Amino acid sequence: MENCGLPASGAKANFGDADSVINIIDYRQEYPQQVVKKALFAAGYSDEANKLFQVPYGVVSLSKQTAERLGLETEENKEVYAMSGRKGIGIKINELIAEMGKAVQEQSANADLQTVQTLTFAAIRYNMLRYNTTSDIIFDLEEATQVTGNTGVYLIYTYARTNSIIEKAAVAGLSKEGATYQETEESERALLKHLAGWETTLRKAAKALEPNLLCTFAFELASLYNRFYSLCPVIKAEAIQQKRRLALTEQVNKKLAEVFEILGLPSQKKI
């Protein structure tokens, strides 16, 4: 009788070759996850058990406004509605994408179809990642699609702004070559200081399995850049300032693109 690929009696199966296994599960499942890990140790899979990690996350809830928009029954004095499969409180992914797309169009009325799709997926993914893993997640369609504030939409617009400046500089034949960082403005120094903290933030996020740290970094970077943009002309600046500010813009552009790639966020150069 063939063993259908099962190991011979007493032999250990090939458990897999992953460097680590990360289970992203509701923090209320912490005890069952500990049981699984103990079971692996007991079965002789010590190395595999040591490579198994749980990333807990808080309860995902809908705001009252979003619950009403989705047609769920709400109560007068209840502002948050925890999703529950047993109670039928929740939203299917295709419905979420459709509703988020509508919310994006309300906030960005002039956006074309491609932009709406980019902003929709950025809004959904970023809104789920920006919370600390120990925090409960309150999902609000309107809040997640704001063009200002801590949203994926805000990051996409900022990225598009940096691309626009870089493109205009290229068309005008401008270059960052020879840029120096002497006599910088306060907003320029703030950007440089924040950019310098990237490697530390990345290592910390990877070690702690906390993607929200990268979200916070990106949001603060976008906020600092937009403040810099409002105070410091780039294309119309004097030559020395122009080179420095173009170099800064390119650094911000590349860092946002890197964050998008790591977090799995879509990006779009033009909005």
C-alpha atoms as a PDB file:
ATOM      1  CA  MET A   1       0.000   0.000   0.000  1.00  0.00           C
ATOM      2  CA  GLU A   2       1.389   3.392  -0.950  1.00  0.00           C
ATOM      3  CA  ASN A   3       1.735   5.992   1.796  1.00  0.00           C
ATOM      4  CA  CYS A   4       0.504   8.845  -0.449  1.00  0.00           C
ATOM      5  CA  GLY A   5       3.496  10.965   0.470  1.00  0.00           C
ATOM      6  CA  LEU A   6       3.095  10.534   4.219  1.00  0.00           C
ATOM      7  CA  PRO A   7       6.309   9.930   6.219  1.00  0.00           C
ATOM      8  CA  ALA A   8       7.178   6.436   7.342  1.00  0.00           C
ATOM      9  CA  SER A   9       6.317   5.540  10.917  1.00  0.00           C
ATOM     10  CA  GLY A  10       8.496   7.504  13.347  1.00  0.00           C
ATOM     11  CA  ALA A  11       9.832   9.841  10.650  1.00  0.00           C
ATOM     12  CA  LYS A  12       9.266  13.580  10.746  1.00  0.00           C
ATOM     13  CA  ALA A  13       7.447  15.240   7.866  1.00  0.00           C
ATOM     14  CA  ASN A  14       9.016  18.150   6.042  1.00  0.00           C
ATOM     15  CA  PHE A  15       7.210  20.962   7.830  1.00  0.00           C
ATOM     16  CA  GLY A  16       8.268  23.631   5.354  1.00  0.00           C
ATOM     17  CA  ASP A  17      11.213  25.885   4.652  1.00  0.00           C
ATOM     18  CA  ALA A  18       9.865  29.273   5.704  1.00  0.00           C
ATOM     19  CA  ASP A  19      12.133  31.549   7.694  1.00  0.00           C
ATOM     20  CA  SER A  20       9.125  32.339   9.851  1.00  0.00           C
ATOM     21  CA  VAL A  21       5.369  31.911   9.898  1.00  0.00           C
ATOM     22  CA  ILE A  22       3.241  34.882  10.927  1.00  0.00           C
ATOM     23  CA  ASN A  23      -0.413  34.403  11.806  1.00  0.00           C
ATOM     24  CA  ILE A  24      -2.405  37.633  11.713  1.00  0.00           C
ATOM     25  CA  ILE A  25      -5.345  36.859  13.963  1.00  0.00           C
ATOM     26  CA  ASP A  26      -7.698  38.682  16.334  1.00  0.00           C
ATOM     27  CA  TYR A  27      -6.028  39.213  19.732  1.00  0.00           C
ATOM     28  CA  ARG A  28      -8.852  37.197  21.319  1.00  0.00           C
ATOM     29  CA  GLN A  29      -7.281  34.150  19.650  1.00  0.00           C
ATOM     30  CA  GLU A  30      -4.052  34.522  21.614  1.00  0.00           C
ATOM     31  CA  TYR A  31      -4.645  31.451  23.797  1.00  0.00           C
ATOM     32  CA  PRO A  32      -5.391  29.059  20.879  1.00  0.00           C
ATOM     33  CA  GLN A  33      -2.254  30.343  19.158  1.00  0.00           C
ATOM     34  CA  GLN A  34      -0.219  29.532  22.259  1.00  0.00           C
ATOM     35  CA  VAL A  35      -1.722  26.031  22.241  1.00  0.00           C
ATOM     36  CA  VAL A  36      -0.642  25.535  18.625  1.00  0.00           C
ATOM     37  CA  LYS A  37       2.886  26.616  19.484  1.00  0.00           C
ATOM     38  CA  LYS A  38       3.041  24.305  22.524  1.00  0.00           C
ATOM     39  CA  ALA A  39       1.746  21.448  20.379  1.00  0.00           C
ATOM     40  CA  LEU A  40       4.556  21.987  17.885  1.00  0.00           C
ATOM     41  CA  PHE A  41       7.119  21.806  20.692  1.00  0.00           C
ATOM     42  CA  ALA A  42       5.473  18.657  22.045  1.00  0.00           C
ATOM     43  CA  ALA A  43       5.517  17.044  18.592  1.00  0.00           C
ATOM     44  CA  GLY A  44       9.234  17.674  18.239  1.00  0.00           C
ATOM     45  CA  TYR A  45       9.064  20.677  15.929  1.00  0.00           C
ATOM     46  CA  SER A  46      11.037  23.030  18.163  1.00  0.00           C
ATOM     47  CA  ASP A  47      12.645  25.016  15.351  1.00  0.00           C
ATOM     48  CA  GLU A  48       9.301  25.499  13.618  1.00  0.00           C
ATOM     49  CA  ALA A  49       7.642  26.523  16.892  1.00  0.00           C
ATOM     50  CA  ASN A  50      10.305  29.157  17.436  1.00  0.00           C
ATOM     51  CA  LYS A  51       9.595  30.505  13.948  1.00  0.00           C
ATOM     52  CA  LEU A  52       5.854  30.811  14.571  1.00  0.00           C
ATOM     53  CA  PHE A  53       4.590  34.256  15.511  1.00  0.00           C
ATOM     54  CA  GLN A  54       1.175  35.750  16.090  1.00  0.00           C
ATOM     55  CA  VAL A  55       0.405  39.320  15.112  1.00  0.00           C
ATOM     56  CA  PRO A  56      -2.764  40.128  17.033  1.00  0.00           C
ATOM     57  CA  TYR A  57      -5.085  42.890  15.956  1.00  0.00           C
ATOM     58  CA  GLY A  58      -7.976  44.632  17.620  1.00  0.00           C
ATOM     59  CA  VAL A  59     -11.650  44.164  16.961  1.00  0.00           C
ATOM     60  CA  VAL A  60     -12.681  45.648  13.607  1.00  0.00           C
ATOM     61  CA  SER A  61     -15.756  47.829  13.978  1.00  0.00           C
ATOM     62  CA  LEU A  62     -17.821  50.096  11.765  1.00  0.00           C
ATOM     63  CA  SER A  63     -18.639  53.676  12.664  1.00  0.00           C
ATOM     64  CA  LYS A  64     -22.323  54.467  13.009  1.00  0.00           C
ATOM     65  CA  GLN A  65     -22.270  56.524   9.804  1.00  0.00           C
ATOM     66  CA  THR A  66     -20.675  53.691   7.838  1.00  0.00           C
ATOM     67  CA  ALA A  67     -23.014  51.092   9.336  1.00  0.00           C
ATOM     68  CA  GLU A  68     -26.009  53.187   8.275  1.00  0.00           C
ATOM     69  CA  ARG A  69     -24.552  53.668   4.810  1.00  0.00           C
ATOM     70  CA  LEU A  70     -24.218  49.906   4.467  1.00  0.00           C
ATOM     71  CA  GLY A  71     -27.850  49.419   5.462  1.00  0.00           C
ATOM     72  CA  LEU A  72     -27.211  47.941   8.890  1.00  0.00           C
ATOM     73  CA  GLU A  73     -29.614  48.561  11.741  1.00  0.00           C
ATOM     74  CA  THR A  74     -28.253  51.122  14.189  1.00  0.00           C
ATOM     75  CA  GLU A  75     -29.188  52.343  17.647  1.00  0.00           C
ATOM     76  CA  GLU A  76     -29.574  55.920  18.839  1.00  0.00           C
ATOM     77  CA  ASN A  77     -26.857  55.882  21.518  1.00  0.00           C
ATOM     78  CA  LYS A  78     -24.461  53.416  19.910  1.00  0.00           C
ATOM     79  CA  GLU A  79     -21.614  54.888  17.825  1.00  0.00           C
ATOM     80  CA  VAL A  80     -19.534  51.771  17.041  1.00  0.00           C
ATOM     81  CA  TYR A  81     -20.618  48.388  15.630  1.00  0.00           C
ATOM     82  CA  ALA A  82     -18.174  45.505  15.953  1.00  0.00           C
ATOM     83  CA  MET A  83     -18.100  43.231  12.922  1.00  0.00           C
ATOM     84  CA  SER A  84     -19.420  39.757  13.620  1.00  0.00           C
ATOM     85  CA  GLY A  85     -19.986  36.906  11.216  1.00  0.00           C
ATOM     86  CA  ARG A  86     -22.435  35.262  13.601  1.00  0.00           C
ATOM     87  CA  LYS A  87     -24.512  38.433  13.910  1.00  0.00           C
ATOM     88  CA  GLY A  88     -24.275  39.328  10.248  1.00  0.00           C
ATOM     89  CA  ILE A  89     -22.525  42.619  10.980  1.00  0.00           C
ATOM     90  CA  GLY A  90     -19.871  43.226   8.357  1.00  0.00           C
ATOM     91  CA  ILE A  91     -19.189  43.885   4.710  1.00  0.00           C
ATOM     92  CA  LYS A  92     -17.977  41.709   1.851  1.00  0.00           C
ATOM     93  CA  ILE A  93     -14.809  42.822   0.119  1.00  0.00           C
ATOM     94  CA  ASN A  94     -16.506  43.515  -3.226  1.00  0.00           C
ATOM     95  CA  GLU A  95     -19.119  45.626  -1.433  1.00  0.00           C
ATOM     96  CA  LEU A  96     -16.401  47.423   0.521  1.00  0.00           C
ATOM     97  CA  ILE A  97     -14.511  48.256  -2.671  1.00  0.00           C
ATOM     98  CA  ALA A  98     -17.706  49.545  -4.312  1.00  0.00           C
ATOM     99  CA  GLU A  99     -18.700  51.688  -1.317  1.00  0.00           C
ATOM    100  CA  MET A 100     -15.162  52.962  -0.825  1.00  0.00           C
ATOM    101  CA  GLY A 101     -15.056  53.902  -4.498  1.00  0.00           C
ATOM    102  CA  LYS A 102     -18.226  55.955  -4.066  1.00  0.00           C
ATOM    103  CA  ALA A 103     -16.755  57.646  -0.981  1.00  0.00           C
ATOM    104  CA  VAL A 104     -13.554  58.436  -2.898  1.00  0.00           C
ATOM    105  CA  GLN A 105     -15.568  60.009  -5.718  1.00  0.00           C
ATOM    106  CA  GLU A 106     -17.406  62.174  -3.196  1.00  0.00           C
ATOM    107  CA  GLN A 107     -14.088  63.455  -1.828  1.00  0.00           C
ATOM    108  CA  SER A 108     -12.286  63.646  -5.210  1.00  0.00           C
ATOM    109  CA  ALA A 109     -15.034  64.590  -7.654  1.00  0.00           C
ATOM    110  CA  ASN A 110     -12.679  65.277 -10.588  1.00  0.00           C
ATOM    111  CA  ALA A 111     -10.736  62.021 -10.353  1.00  0.00           C
ATOM    112  CA  ASP A 112     -10.757  59.705 -13.381  1.00  0.00           C
ATOM    113  CA  LEU A 113     -11.533  55.979 -13.135  1.00  0.00           C
ATOM    114  CA  GLN A 114      -7.891  54.890 -12.756  1.00  0.00           C
ATOM    115  CA  THR A 115      -7.329  57.439 -10.002  1.00  0.00           C
ATOM    116  CA  VAL A 116     -10.507  56.388  -8.189  1.00  0.00           C
ATOM    117  CA  GLN A 117      -9.346  52.771  -8.241  1.00  0.00           C
ATOM    118  CA  THR A 118      -5.881  53.690  -6.946  1.00  0.00           C
ATOM    119  CA  LEU A 119      -7.282  55.883  -4.184  1.00  0.00           C
ATOM    120  CA  THR A 120      -9.873  53.255  -3.250  1.00  0.00           C
ATOM    121  CA  PHE A 121      -7.368  50.465  -2.696  1.00  0.00           C
ATOM    122  CA  ALA A 122      -4.909  52.818  -0.983  1.00  0.00           C
ATOM    123  CA  ALA A 123      -7.653  54.013   1.373  1.00  0.00           C
ATOM    124  CA  ILE A 124      -8.730  50.488   2.318  1.00  0.00           C
ATOM    125  CA  ARG A 125      -5.279  49.009   2.858  1.00  0.00           C
ATOM    126  CA  TYR A 126      -3.795  52.023   4.624  1.00  0.00           C
ATOM    127  CA  ASN A 127      -6.773  52.341   6.959  1.00  0.00           C
ATOM    128  CA  MET A 128      -6.279  48.741   8.117  1.00  0.00           C
ATOM    129  CA  LEU A 129      -2.515  49.107   8.549  1.00  0.00           C
ATOM    130  CA  ARG A 130      -2.282  52.465  10.302  1.00  0.00           C
ATOM    131  CA  TYR A 131      -3.590  51.202  13.639  1.00  0.00           C
ATOM    132  CA  ASN A 132      -1.362  49.802  16.359  1.00  0.00           C
ATOM    133  CA  THR A 133      -1.942  46.048  16.511  1.00  0.00           C
ATOM    134  CA  THR A 134      -3.215  46.332  20.081  1.00  0.00           C
ATOM    135  CA  SER A 135      -5.810  48.929  19.127  1.00  0.00           C
ATOM    136  CA  ASP A 136      -9.351  48.267  18.014  1.00  0.00           C
ATOM    137  CA  ILE A 137     -10.001  49.354  14.420  1.00  0.00           C
ATOM    138  CA  ILE A 138     -12.952  51.626  13.710  1.00  0.00           C
ATOM    139  CA  PHE A 139     -13.645  51.725   9.993  1.00  0.00           C
ATOM    140  CA  ASP A 140     -15.273  54.872   8.648  1.00  0.00           C
ATOM    141  CA  LEU A 141     -15.660  55.267   4.893  1.00  0.00           C
ATOM    142  CA  GLU A 142     -15.685  59.054   4.895  1.00  0.00           C
ATOM    143  CA  GLU A 143     -12.711  59.403   7.228  1.00  0.00           C
ATOM    144  CA  ALA A 144     -10.625  56.865   5.276  1.00  0.00           C
ATOM    145  CA  THR A 145     -11.070  58.755   2.000  1.00  0.00           C
ATOM    146  CA  GLN A 146     -10.219  62.269   3.182  1.00  0.00           C
ATOM    147  CA  VAL A 147      -7.672  64.034   0.972  1.00  0.00           C
ATOM    148  CA  THR A 148      -6.093  65.528   4.100  1.00  0.00           C
ATOM    149  CA  GLY A 149      -5.241  63.779   7.334  1.00  0.00           C
ATOM    150  CA  ASN A 150      -3.808  60.353   8.083  1.00  0.00           C
ATOM    151  CA  THR A 151      -5.146  58.476   5.050  1.00  0.00           C
ATOM    152  CA  GLY A 152      -3.797  56.550   2.089  1.00  0.00           C
ATOM    153  CA  VAL A 153      -5.451  59.115  -0.172  1.00  0.00           C
ATOM    154  CA  TYR A 154      -3.393  61.909   1.406  1.00  0.00           C
ATOM    155  CA  LEU A 155      -0.186  59.959   0.791  1.00  0.00           C
ATOM    156  CA  ILE A 156      -1.081  59.305  -2.850  1.00  0.00           C
ATOM    157  CA  TYR A 157      -1.787  62.995  -3.454  1.00  0.00           C
ATOM    158  CA  THR A 158       1.507  63.974  -1.823  1.00  0.00           C
ATOM    159  CA  TYR A 159       3.398  61.436  -3.938  1.00  0.00           C
ATOM    160  CA  ALA A 160       1.722  62.831  -7.060  1.00  0.00           C
ATOM    161  CA  ARG A 161       2.736  66.354  -6.016  1.00  0.00           C
ATOM    162  CA  THR A 162       6.406  65.370  -5.732  1.00  0.00           C
ATOM    163  CA  ASN A 163       6.241  63.664  -9.124  1.00  0.00           C
ATOM    164  CA  SER A 164       4.704  66.754 -10.683  1.00  0.00           C
ATOM    165  CA  ILE A 165       7.514  68.954  -9.373  1.00  0.00           C
ATOM    166  CA  ILE A 166      10.183  66.508 -10.545  1.00  0.00           C
ATOM    167  CA  GLU A 167       8.595  66.345 -13.997  1.00  0.00           C
ATOM    168  CA  LYS A 168       8.348  70.135 -14.295  1.00  0.00           C
ATOM    169  CA  ALA A 169      11.997  70.442 -13.260  1.00  0.00           C
ATOM    170  CA  ALA A 170      13.031  67.936 -15.927  1.00  0.00           C
ATOM    171  CA  VAL A 171      11.060  69.759 -18.632  1.00  0.00           C
ATOM    172  CA  ALA A 172      12.725  73.024 -17.581  1.00  0.00           C
ATOM    173  CA  GLY A 173      16.166  71.394 -17.647  1.00  0.00           C
ATOM    174  CA  LEU A 174      16.698  71.890 -13.927  1.00  0.00           C
ATOM    175  CA  SER A 175      18.980  69.624 -11.905  1.00  0.00           C
ATOM    176  CA  LYS A 176      19.733  68.866  -8.273  1.00  0.00           C
ATOM    177  CA  GLU A 177      23.446  68.385  -9.080  1.00  0.00           C
ATOM    178  CA  GLY A 178      25.642  70.404  -6.779  1.00  0.00           C
ATOM    179  CA  ALA A 179      22.966  70.711  -4.114  1.00  0.00           C
ATOM    180  CA  THR A 180      24.210  71.722  -0.663  1.00  0.00           C
ATOM    181  CA  TYR A 181      22.389  71.794   2.646  1.00  0.00           C
ATOM    182  CA  GLN A 182      23.910  74.954   4.060  1.00  0.00           C
ATOM    183  CA  GLU A 183      21.628  77.741   5.261  1.00  0.00           C
ATOM    184  CA  THR A 184      18.529  75.560   5.157  1.00  0.00           C
ATOM    185  CA  GLU A 185      15.100  76.768   6.191  1.00  0.00           C
ATOM    186  CA  GLU A 186      13.424  75.273   9.266  1.00  0.00           C
ATOM    187  CA  SER A 187      10.989  73.245   7.156  1.00  0.00           C
ATOM    188  CA  GLU A 188      13.892  71.845   5.133  1.00  0.00           C
ATOM    189  CA  ARG A 189      15.772  70.794   8.267  1.00  0.00           C
ATOM    190  CA  ALA A 190      12.636  69.119   9.594  1.00  0.00           C
ATOM    191  CA  LEU A 191      12.389  67.045   6.413  1.00  0.00           C
ATOM    192  CA  LEU A 192      16.044  66.042   6.546  1.00  0.00           C
ATOM    193  CA  LYS A 193      15.781  65.048  10.186  1.00  0.00           C
ATOM    194  CA  HIS A 194      12.719  62.914   9.538  1.00  0.00           C
ATOM    195  CA  LEU A 195      14.257  61.220   6.497  1.00  0.00           C
ATOM    196  CA  ALA A 196      17.330  60.367   8.574  1.00  0.00           C
ATOM    197  CA  GLY A 197      15.138  58.273  10.887  1.00  0.00           C
ATOM    198  CA  TRP A 198      13.919  55.911   8.167  1.00  0.00           C
ATOM    199  CA  GLU A 199      16.329  53.007   8.690  1.00  0.00           C
ATOM    200  CA  THR A 200      15.681  52.969  12.430  1.00  0.00           C
ATOM    201  CA  THR A 201      11.931  53.038  11.873  1.00  0.00           C
ATOM    202  CA  LEU A 202      12.112  50.235   9.295  1.00  0.00           C
ATOM    203  CA  ARG A 203      14.176  47.982  11.574  1.00  0.00           C
ATOM    204  CA  LYS A 204      11.870  48.628  14.511  1.00  0.00           C
ATOM    205  CA  ALA A 205       8.738  47.917  12.445  1.00  0.00           C
ATOM    206  CA  ALA A 206      10.203  44.690  11.083  1.00  0.00           C
ATOM    207  CA  LYS A 207      11.354  43.466  14.488  1.00  0.00           C
ATOM    208  CA  ALA A 208       8.069  44.290  16.229  1.00  0.00           C
ATOM    209  CA  LEU A 209       5.903  43.243  13.253  1.00  0.00           C
ATOM    210  CA  GLU A 210       4.206  46.646  13.447  1.00  0.00           C
ATOM    211  CA  PRO A 211       3.468  48.057   9.951  1.00  0.00           C
ATOM    212  CA  ASN A 212       1.673  50.991  11.548  1.00  0.00           C
ATOM    213  CA  LEU A 213       5.100  52.460  12.371  1.00  0.00           C
ATOM    214  CA  LEU A 214       5.748  52.795   8.644  1.00  0.00           C
ATOM    215  CA  CYS A 215       2.326  54.375   8.174  1.00  0.00           C
ATOM    216  CA  THR A 216       3.121  56.932  10.852  1.00  0.00           C
ATOM    217  CA  PHE A 217       6.503  57.651   9.262  1.00  0.00           C
ATOM    218  CA  ALA A 218       4.911  58.137   5.833  1.00  0.00           C
ATOM    219  CA  PHE A 219       2.127  60.370   7.145  1.00  0.00           C
ATOM    220  CA  GLU A 220       4.575  62.564   9.058  1.00  0.00           C
ATOM    221  CA  LEU A 221       6.831  62.722   5.995  1.00  0.00           C
ATOM    222  CA  ALA A 222       3.925  63.781   3.778  1.00  0.00           C
ATOM    223  CA  SER A 223       2.817  66.385   6.338  1.00  0.00           C
ATOM    224  CA  LEU A 224       6.330  67.812   6.643  1.00  0.00           C
ATOM    225  CA  TYR A 225       6.711  67.917   2.876  1.00  0.00           C
ATOM    226  CA  ASN A 226       3.417  69.704   2.303  1.00  0.00           C
ATOM    227  CA  ARG A 227       4.358  72.264   4.959  1.00  0.00           C
ATOM    228  CA  PHE A 228       7.743  72.697   3.249  1.00  0.00           C
ATOM    229  CA  TYR A 229       5.982  73.050  -0.126  1.00  0.00           C
ATOM    230  CA  SER A 230       3.720  75.804   1.194  1.00  0.00           C
ATOM    231  CA  LEU A 231       6.669  77.767   2.556  1.00  0.00           C
ATOM    232  CA  CYS A 232       9.496  77.081   0.118  1.00  0.00           C
ATOM    233  CA  PRO A 233       9.194  77.478  -3.685  1.00  0.00           C
ATOM    234  CA  VAL A 234      11.070  74.781  -5.587  1.00  0.00           C
ATOM    235  CA  ILE A 235      10.957  75.544  -9.328  1.00  0.00           C
ATOM    236  CA  LYS A 236      10.875  79.323  -8.833  1.00  0.00           C
ATOM    237  CA  ALA A 237      13.549  79.440  -6.127  1.00  0.00           C
ATOM    238  CA  GLU A 238      17.023  80.931  -6.544  1.00  0.00           C
ATOM    239  CA  ALA A 239      19.561  78.525  -8.064  1.00  0.00           C
ATOM    240  CA  ILE A 240      21.187  77.340  -4.816  1.00  0.00           C
ATOM    241  CA  GLN A 241      17.846  76.883  -3.064  1.00  0.00           C
ATOM    242  CA  GLN A 242      16.338  75.332  -6.179  1.00  0.00           C
ATOM    243  CA  LYS A 243      18.916  72.520  -6.314  1.00  0.00           C
ATOM    244  CA  ARG A 244      18.549  71.766  -2.621  1.00  0.00           C
ATOM    245  CA  ARG A 245      14.761  71.771  -2.711  1.00  0.00           C
ATOM    246  CA  LEU A 246      14.650  69.633  -5.810  1.00  0.00           C
ATOM    247  CA  ALA A 247      17.002  67.153  -4.123  1.00  0.00           C
ATOM    248  CA  LEU A 248      14.725  67.125  -1.076  1.00  0.00           C
ATOM    249  CA  THR A 249      11.675  66.583  -3.251  1.00  0.00           C
ATOM    250  CA  GLU A 250      13.340  63.627  -4.965  1.00  0.00           C
ATOM    251  CA  GLN A 251      14.283  62.105  -1.593  1.00  0.00           C
ATOM    252  CA  VAL A 252      10.702  62.372  -0.370  1.00  0.00           C
ATOM    253  CA  ASN A 253       9.425  60.939  -3.644  1.00  0.00           C
ATOM    254  CA  LYS A 254      11.705  57.883  -3.425  1.00  0.00           C
ATOM    255  CA  LYS A 255      10.926  57.293   0.232  1.00  0.00           C
ATOM    256  CA  LEU A 256       7.179  57.400  -0.290  1.00  0.00           C
ATOM    257  CA  ALA A 257       7.550  54.965  -3.202  1.00  0.00           C
ATOM    258  CA  GLU A 258       9.558  52.642  -0.946  1.00  0.00           C
ATOM    259  CA  VAL A 259       6.933  52.776   1.793  1.00  0.00           C
ATOM    260  CA  PHE A 260       4.181  52.050  -0.726  1.00  0.00           C
ATOM    261  CA  GLU A 261       6.058  48.993  -1.967  1.00  0.00           C
ATOM    262  CA  ILE A 262       6.686  47.625   1.529  1.00  0.00           C
ATOM    263  CA  LEU A 263       3.085  48.146   2.659  1.00  0.00           C
ATOM    264  CA  GLY A 264       1.595  46.928  -0.607  1.00  0.00           C
ATOM    265  CA  LEU A 265      -0.064  50.258  -1.336  1.00  0.00           C
ATOM    266  CA  PRO A 266      -0.817  51.216  -4.938  1.00  0.00           C
ATOM    267  CA  SER A 267       0.854  54.343  -6.273  1.00  0.00           C
ATOM    268  CA  GLN A 268       0.135  56.753  -9.070  1.00  0.00           C
ATOM    269  CA  LYS A 269       2.451  59.439 -10.383  1.00  0.00           C
ATOM    270  CA  LYS A 270      -0.268  61.773 -11.645  1.00  0.00           C
ATOM    271  CA  ILE A 271      -3.596  62.657 -10.081  1.00  0.00           C
END
